[in-house]
Amino acid sequence: VLEDLSFIVWEFDSLAEFSASIRRL
């Protein structure tokens, strides 16, 4: 449950790179 609720915590770094790829594409 903690991992699920903290999904953005664990994935923030990857999410930042993903957002950059979306912008560039």
PDB file of all heavy atoms in Angstrom:
ATOM      1  N   VAL A   1       0.829  -1.206   0.000  1.00  0.00           N
ATOM      2  CA  VAL A   1       0.000   0.000   0.000  1.00  0.00           C
ATOM      3  C   VAL A   1       0.861   1.253   0.000  1.00  0.00           C
ATOM      4  O   VAL A   1       0.575   2.228  -0.709  1.00  0.00           O
ATOM      5  CB  VAL A   1      -0.955  -0.006   1.209  1.00  0.00           C
ATOM      6  CG1 VAL A   1      -1.711   1.325   1.313  1.00  0.00           C
ATOM      7  CG2 VAL A   1      -1.944  -1.159   1.089  1.00  0.00           C
ATOM      8  N   LEU A   2       1.927   1.237   0.789  1.00  0.00           N
ATOM      9  CA  LEU A   2       2.812   2.397   0.812  1.00  0.00           C
ATOM     10  C   LEU A   2       3.455   2.633  -0.550  1.00  0.00           C
ATOM     11  O   LEU A   2       3.555   3.760  -1.021  1.00  0.00           O
ATOM     12  CB  LEU A   2       3.895   2.196   1.869  1.00  0.00           C
ATOM     13  CG  LEU A   2       4.866   3.366   2.054  1.00  0.00           C
ATOM     14  CD1 LEU A   2       4.120   4.619   2.472  1.00  0.00           C
ATOM     15  CD2 LEU A   2       5.945   3.011   3.057  1.00  0.00           C
ATOM     16  N   GLU A   3       3.868   1.539  -1.192  1.00  0.00           N
ATOM     17  CA  GLU A   3       4.462   1.672  -2.533  1.00  0.00           C
ATOM     18  C   GLU A   3       3.443   2.198  -3.538  1.00  0.00           C
ATOM     19  O   GLU A   3       3.768   3.021  -4.392  1.00  0.00           O
ATOM     20  CB  GLU A   3       5.001   0.321  -2.983  1.00  0.00           C
ATOM     21  CG  GLU A   3       5.697   0.364  -4.335  1.00  0.00           C
ATOM     22  CD  GLU A   3       6.266  -0.980  -4.726  1.00  0.00           C
ATOM     23  OE1 GLU A   3       6.257  -1.900  -3.890  1.00  0.00           O
ATOM     24  OE2 GLU A   3       6.711  -1.109  -5.882  1.00  0.00           O
ATOM     25  N   ASP A   4       2.204   1.725  -3.423  1.00  0.00           N
ATOM     26  CA  ASP A   4       1.171   2.166  -4.350  1.00  0.00           C
ATOM     27  C   ASP A   4       0.826   3.633  -4.134  1.00  0.00           C
ATOM     28  O   ASP A   4       0.677   4.404  -5.091  1.00  0.00           O
ATOM     29  CB  ASP A   4      -0.085   1.310  -4.185  1.00  0.00           C
ATOM     30  CG  ASP A   4       0.175  -0.152  -4.520  1.00  0.00           C
ATOM     31  OD1 ASP A   4       1.086  -0.406  -5.323  1.00  0.00           O
ATOM     32  OD2 ASP A   4      -0.529  -1.018  -3.966  1.00  0.00           O
ATOM     33  N   LEU A   5       0.680   4.023  -2.862  1.00  0.00           N
ATOM     34  CA  LEU A   5       0.354   5.417  -2.558  1.00  0.00           C
ATOM     35  C   LEU A   5       1.523   6.346  -2.875  1.00  0.00           C
ATOM     36  O   LEU A   5       1.333   7.526  -3.157  1.00  0.00           O
ATOM     37  CB  LEU A   5      -0.034   5.562  -1.084  1.00  0.00           C
ATOM     38  CG  LEU A   5      -1.391   4.982  -0.685  1.00  0.00           C
ATOM     39  CD1 LEU A   5      -1.571   5.059   0.824  1.00  0.00           C
ATOM     40  CD2 LEU A   5      -2.531   5.715  -1.382  1.00  0.00           C
ATOM     41  N   SER A   6       2.719   5.804  -2.818  1.00  0.00           N
ATOM     42  CA  SER A   6       3.921   6.615  -3.044  1.00  0.00           C
ATOM     43  C   SER A   6       4.473   6.412  -4.450  1.00  0.00           C
ATOM     44  O   SER A   6       5.671   6.555  -4.679  1.00  0.00           O
ATOM     45  CB  SER A   6       4.992   6.250  -2.009  1.00  0.00           C
ATOM     46  OG  SER A   6       4.480   6.315  -0.709  1.00  0.00           O
ATOM     47  N   PHE A   7       3.597   6.061  -5.372  1.00  0.00           N
ATOM     48  CA  PHE A   7       4.025   5.756  -6.739  1.00  0.00           C
ATOM     49  C   PHE A   7       4.833   6.904  -7.335  1.00  0.00           C
ATOM     50  O   PHE A   7       5.879   6.700  -7.944  1.00  0.00           O
ATOM     51  CB  PHE A   7       2.798   5.464  -7.592  1.00  0.00           C
ATOM     52  CG  PHE A   7       3.121   5.160  -9.024  1.00  0.00           C
ATOM     53  CD1 PHE A   7       3.728   3.976  -9.380  1.00  0.00           C
ATOM     54  CD2 PHE A   7       2.826   6.072 -10.029  1.00  0.00           C
ATOM     55  CE1 PHE A   7       4.035   3.693 -10.704  1.00  0.00           C
ATOM     56  CE2 PHE A   7       3.124   5.802 -11.345  1.00  0.00           C
ATOM     57  CZ  PHE A   7       3.724   4.600 -11.686  1.00  0.00           C
ATOM     58  N   ILE A   8       4.356   8.136  -7.161  1.00  0.00           N
ATOM     59  CA  ILE A   8       5.058   9.295  -7.715  1.00  0.00           C
ATOM     60  C   ILE A   8       6.407   9.474  -7.040  1.00  0.00           C
ATOM     61  O   ILE A   8       7.378   9.917  -7.663  1.00  0.00           O
ATOM     62  CB  ILE A   8       4.190  10.564  -7.558  1.00  0.00           C
ATOM     63  CG1 ILE A   8       2.875  10.383  -8.310  1.00  0.00           C
ATOM     64  CG2 ILE A   8       4.926  11.789  -8.078  1.00  0.00           C
ATOM     65  CD1 ILE A   8       3.036  10.121  -9.785  1.00  0.00           C
ATOM     66  N   VAL A   9       6.503   9.114  -5.750  1.00  0.00           N
ATOM     67  CA  VAL A   9       7.780   9.226  -5.050  1.00  0.00           C
ATOM     68  C   VAL A   9       8.839   8.366  -5.731  1.00  0.00           C
ATOM     69  O   VAL A   9       9.949   8.809  -6.024  1.00  0.00           O
ATOM     70  CB  VAL A   9       7.618   8.799  -3.573  1.00  0.00           C
ATOM     71  CG1 VAL A   9       8.971   8.778  -2.868  1.00  0.00           C
ATOM     72  CG2 VAL A   9       6.661   9.744  -2.855  1.00  0.00           C
ATOM     73  N   TRP A  10       8.482   7.088  -5.972  1.00  0.00           N
ATOM     74  CA  TRP A  10       9.462   6.167  -6.551  1.00  0.00           C
ATOM     75  C   TRP A  10       9.730   6.463  -8.031  1.00  0.00           C
ATOM     76  O   TRP A  10      10.829   6.186  -8.532  1.00  0.00           O
ATOM     77  CB  TRP A  10       8.970   4.725  -6.412  1.00  0.00           C
ATOM     78  CG  TRP A  10       8.514   4.352  -5.032  1.00  0.00           C
ATOM     79  CD1 TRP A  10       7.304   3.850  -4.675  1.00  0.00           C
ATOM     80  CD2 TRP A  10       9.252   4.456  -3.809  1.00  0.00           C
ATOM     81  NE1 TRP A  10       7.232   3.642  -3.326  1.00  0.00           N
ATOM     82  CE2 TRP A  10       8.432   4.007  -2.767  1.00  0.00           C
ATOM     83  CE3 TRP A  10      10.540   4.898  -3.491  1.00  0.00           C
ATOM     84  CZ2 TRP A  10       8.830   3.978  -1.451  1.00  0.00           C
ATOM     85  CZ3 TRP A  10      10.942   4.863  -2.174  1.00  0.00           C
ATOM     86  CH2 TRP A  10      10.102   4.407  -1.168  1.00  0.00           C
ATOM     87  N   GLU A  11       8.754   6.995  -8.737  1.00  0.00           N
ATOM     88  CA  GLU A  11       8.884   7.169 -10.187  1.00  0.00           C
ATOM     89  C   GLU A  11       9.161   8.612 -10.599  1.00  0.00           C
ATOM     90  O   GLU A  11       9.132   8.919 -11.785  1.00  0.00           O
ATOM     91  CB  GLU A  11       7.604   6.696 -10.884  1.00  0.00           C
ATOM     92  CG  GLU A  11       7.304   5.219 -10.702  1.00  0.00           C
ATOM     93  CD  GLU A  11       8.311   4.333 -11.410  1.00  0.00           C
ATOM     94  OE1 GLU A  11       8.970   4.818 -12.358  1.00  0.00           O
ATOM     95  OE2 GLU A  11       8.447   3.169 -11.014  1.00  0.00           O
ATOM     96  N   PHE A  12       9.434   9.486  -9.635  1.00  0.00           N
ATOM     97  CA  PHE A  12       9.542  10.900  -9.992  1.00  0.00           C
ATOM     98  C   PHE A  12      10.678  11.148 -10.974  1.00  0.00           C
ATOM     99  O   PHE A  12      10.534  11.893 -11.942  1.00  0.00           O
ATOM    100  CB  PHE A  12       9.748  11.751  -8.734  1.00  0.00           C
ATOM    101  CG  PHE A  12       9.558  13.223  -8.982  1.00  0.00           C
ATOM    102  CD1 PHE A  12       8.317  13.810  -8.834  1.00  0.00           C
ATOM    103  CD2 PHE A  12      10.617  14.018  -9.393  1.00  0.00           C
ATOM    104  CE1 PHE A  12       8.130  15.149  -9.080  1.00  0.00           C
ATOM    105  CE2 PHE A  12      10.442  15.366  -9.645  1.00  0.00           C
ATOM    106  CZ  PHE A  12       9.203  15.933  -9.479  1.00  0.00           C
ATOM    107  N   ASP A  13      11.825  10.520 -10.741  1.00  0.00           N
ATOM    108  CA  ASP A  13      12.975  10.719 -11.623  1.00  0.00           C
ATOM    109  C   ASP A  13      12.662  10.265 -13.042  1.00  0.00           C
ATOM    110  O   ASP A  13      12.898  10.971 -14.025  1.00  0.00           O
ATOM    111  CB  ASP A  13      14.176   9.966 -11.061  1.00  0.00           C
ATOM    112  CG  ASP A  13      15.443  10.236 -11.864  1.00  0.00           C
ATOM    113  OD1 ASP A  13      15.503  11.274 -12.528  1.00  0.00           O
ATOM    114  OD2 ASP A  13      16.361   9.396 -11.814  1.00  0.00           O
ATOM    115  N   SER A  14      12.116   9.035 -13.151  1.00  0.00           N
ATOM    116  CA  SER A  14      11.762   8.515 -14.478  1.00  0.00           C
ATOM    117  C   SER A  14      10.653   9.342 -15.112  1.00  0.00           C
ATOM    118  O   SER A  14      10.641   9.570 -16.330  1.00  0.00           O
ATOM    119  CB  SER A  14      11.320   7.051 -14.365  1.00  0.00           C
ATOM    120  OG  SER A  14      12.361   6.249 -13.870  1.00  0.00           O
ATOM    121  N   LEU A  15       9.716   9.794 -14.293  1.00  0.00           N
ATOM    122  CA  LEU A  15       8.617  10.598 -14.813  1.00  0.00           C
ATOM    123  C   LEU A  15       9.123  11.922 -15.373  1.00  0.00           C
ATOM    124  O   LEU A  15       8.602  12.420 -16.376  1.00  0.00           O
ATOM    125  CB  LEU A  15       7.592  10.853 -13.699  1.00  0.00           C
ATOM    126  CG  LEU A  15       6.291  11.541 -14.109  1.00  0.00           C
ATOM    127  CD1 LEU A  15       5.541  10.716 -15.139  1.00  0.00           C
ATOM    128  CD2 LEU A  15       5.417  11.787 -12.888  1.00  0.00           C
ATOM    129  N   ALA A  16      10.149  12.482 -14.752  1.00  0.00           N
ATOM    130  CA  ALA A  16      10.724  13.728 -15.256  1.00  0.00           C
ATOM    131  C   ALA A  16      11.343  13.516 -16.636  1.00  0.00           C
ATOM    132  O   ALA A  16      11.167  14.330 -17.549  1.00  0.00           O
ATOM    133  CB  ALA A  16      11.767  14.251 -14.275  1.00  0.00           C
ATOM    134  N   GLU A  17      12.077  12.403 -16.809  1.00  0.00           N
ATOM    135  CA  GLU A  17      12.650  12.103 -18.118  1.00  0.00           C
ATOM    136  C   GLU A  17      11.558  11.831 -19.147  1.00  0.00           C
ATOM    137  O   GLU A  17      11.667  12.226 -20.311  1.00  0.00           O
ATOM    138  CB  GLU A  17      13.580  10.895 -18.012  1.00  0.00           C
ATOM    139  CG  GLU A  17      14.860  11.158 -17.248  1.00  0.00           C
ATOM    140  CD  GLU A  17      15.879  10.062 -17.452  1.00  0.00           C
ATOM    141  OE1 GLU A  17      15.959   9.536 -18.582  1.00  0.00           O
ATOM    142  OE2 GLU A  17      16.588   9.733 -16.498  1.00  0.00           O
ATOM    143  N   PHE A  18      10.526  11.136 -18.730  1.00  0.00           N
ATOM    144  CA  PHE A  18       9.417  10.829 -19.626  1.00  0.00           C
ATOM    145  C   PHE A  18       8.736  12.107 -20.102  1.00  0.00           C
ATOM    146  O   PHE A  18       8.425  12.266 -21.283  1.00  0.00           O
ATOM    147  CB  PHE A  18       8.428   9.936 -18.890  1.00  0.00           C
ATOM    148  CG  PHE A  18       7.219   9.569 -19.704  1.00  0.00           C
ATOM    149  CD1 PHE A  18       7.354   8.977 -20.944  1.00  0.00           C
ATOM    150  CD2 PHE A  18       5.944   9.813 -19.221  1.00  0.00           C
ATOM    151  CE1 PHE A  18       6.242   8.633 -21.693  1.00  0.00           C
ATOM    152  CE2 PHE A  18       4.836   9.471 -19.959  1.00  0.00           C
ATOM    153  CZ  PHE A  18       4.981   8.884 -21.199  1.00  0.00           C
ATOM    154  N   SER A  19       8.512  13.040 -19.195  1.00  0.00           N
ATOM    155  CA  SER A  19       7.893  14.303 -19.561  1.00  0.00           C
ATOM    156  C   SER A  19       8.758  15.060 -20.562  1.00  0.00           C
ATOM    157  O   SER A  19       8.252  15.681 -21.503  1.00  0.00           O
ATOM    158  CB  SER A  19       7.671  15.155 -18.311  1.00  0.00           C
ATOM    159  OG  SER A  19       7.116  16.397 -18.638  1.00  0.00           O
ATOM    160  N   ALA A  20      10.097  14.992 -20.380  1.00  0.00           N
ATOM    161  CA  ALA A  20      10.998  15.652 -21.320  1.00  0.00           C
ATOM    162  C   ALA A  20      10.878  15.033 -22.712  1.00  0.00           C
ATOM    163  O   ALA A  20      10.871  15.740 -23.727  1.00  0.00           O
ATOM    164  CB  ALA A  20      12.438  15.543 -20.813  1.00  0.00           C
ATOM    165  N   SER A  21      10.756  13.708 -22.782  1.00  0.00           N
ATOM    166  CA  SER A  21      10.610  13.037 -24.079  1.00  0.00           C
ATOM    167  C   SER A  21       9.298  13.428 -24.745  1.00  0.00           C
ATOM    168  O   SER A  21       9.249  13.621 -25.965  1.00  0.00           O
ATOM    169  CB  SER A  21      10.672  11.521 -23.890  1.00  0.00           C
ATOM    170  OG  SER A  21      11.925  11.120 -23.411  1.00  0.00           O
ATOM    171  N   ILE A  22       8.234  13.538 -23.970  1.00  0.00           N
ATOM    172  CA  ILE A  22       6.945  13.955 -24.529  1.00  0.00           C
ATOM    173  C   ILE A  22       7.066  15.327 -25.160  1.00  0.00           C
ATOM    174  O   ILE A  22       6.611  15.571 -26.280  1.00  0.00           O
ATOM    175  CB  ILE A  22       5.855  13.958 -23.442  1.00  0.00           C
ATOM    176  CG1 ILE A  22       5.510  12.527 -23.022  1.00  0.00           C
ATOM    177  CG2 ILE A  22       4.596  14.651 -23.949  1.00  0.00           C
ATOM    178  CD1 ILE A  22       4.481  12.457 -21.917  1.00  0.00           C
ATOM    179  N   ARG A  23       7.696  16.249 -24.442  1.00  0.00           N
ATOM    180  CA  ARG A  23       7.838  17.613 -24.964  1.00  0.00           C
ATOM    181  C   ARG A  23       8.628  17.632 -26.263  1.00  0.00           C
ATOM    182  O   ARG A  23       8.246  18.280 -27.235  1.00  0.00           O
ATOM    183  CB  ARG A  23       8.539  18.497 -23.930  1.00  0.00           C
ATOM    184  CG  ARG A  23       7.736  18.772 -22.680  1.00  0.00           C
ATOM    185  CD  ARG A  23       8.519  19.696 -21.782  1.00  0.00           C
ATOM    186  NE  ARG A  23       7.890  19.855 -20.487  1.00  0.00           N
ATOM    187  CZ  ARG A  23       8.365  20.622 -19.528  1.00  0.00           C
ATOM    188  NH1 ARG A  23       9.480  21.293 -19.726  1.00  0.00           N
ATOM    189  NH2 ARG A  23       7.747  20.729 -18.375  1.00  0.00           N
ATOM    190  N   ARG A  24       9.757  16.913 -26.273  1.00  0.00           N
ATOM    191  CA  ARG A  24      10.617  16.949 -27.445  1.00  0.00           C
ATOM    192  C   ARG A  24       9.944  16.275 -28.647  1.00  0.00           C
ATOM    193  O   ARG A  24      10.042  16.757 -29.774  1.00  0.00           O
ATOM    194  CB  ARG A  24      11.954  16.274 -27.133  1.00  0.00           C
ATOM    195  CG  ARG A  24      12.836  17.087 -26.201  1.00  0.00           C
ATOM    196  CD  ARG A  24      14.058  16.300 -25.746  1.00  0.00           C
ATOM    197  NE  ARG A  24      14.842  15.837 -26.878  1.00  0.00           N
ATOM    198  CZ  ARG A  24      15.695  16.589 -27.567  1.00  0.00           C
ATOM    199  NH1 ARG A  24      15.862  17.864 -27.232  1.00  0.00           N
ATOM    200  NH2 ARG A  24      16.385  16.093 -28.563  1.00  0.00           N
ATOM    201  N   LEU A  25       9.261  15.167 -28.416  1.00  0.00           N
ATOM    202  CA  LEU A  25       8.557  14.503 -29.513  1.00  0.00           C
ATOM    203  C   LEU A  25       7.417  15.357 -30.026  1.00  0.00           C
ATOM    204  O   LEU A  25       7.200  15.462 -31.239  1.00  0.00           O
ATOM    205  CB  LEU A  25       8.029  13.150 -29.047  1.00  0.00           C
ATOM    206  CG  LEU A  25       9.045  12.010 -28.944  1.00  0.00           C
ATOM    207  CD1 LEU A  25       8.370  10.765 -28.406  1.00  0.00           C
ATOM    208  CD2 LEU A  25       9.669  11.724 -30.303  1.00  0.00           C
TER     209      LEU A  25
END
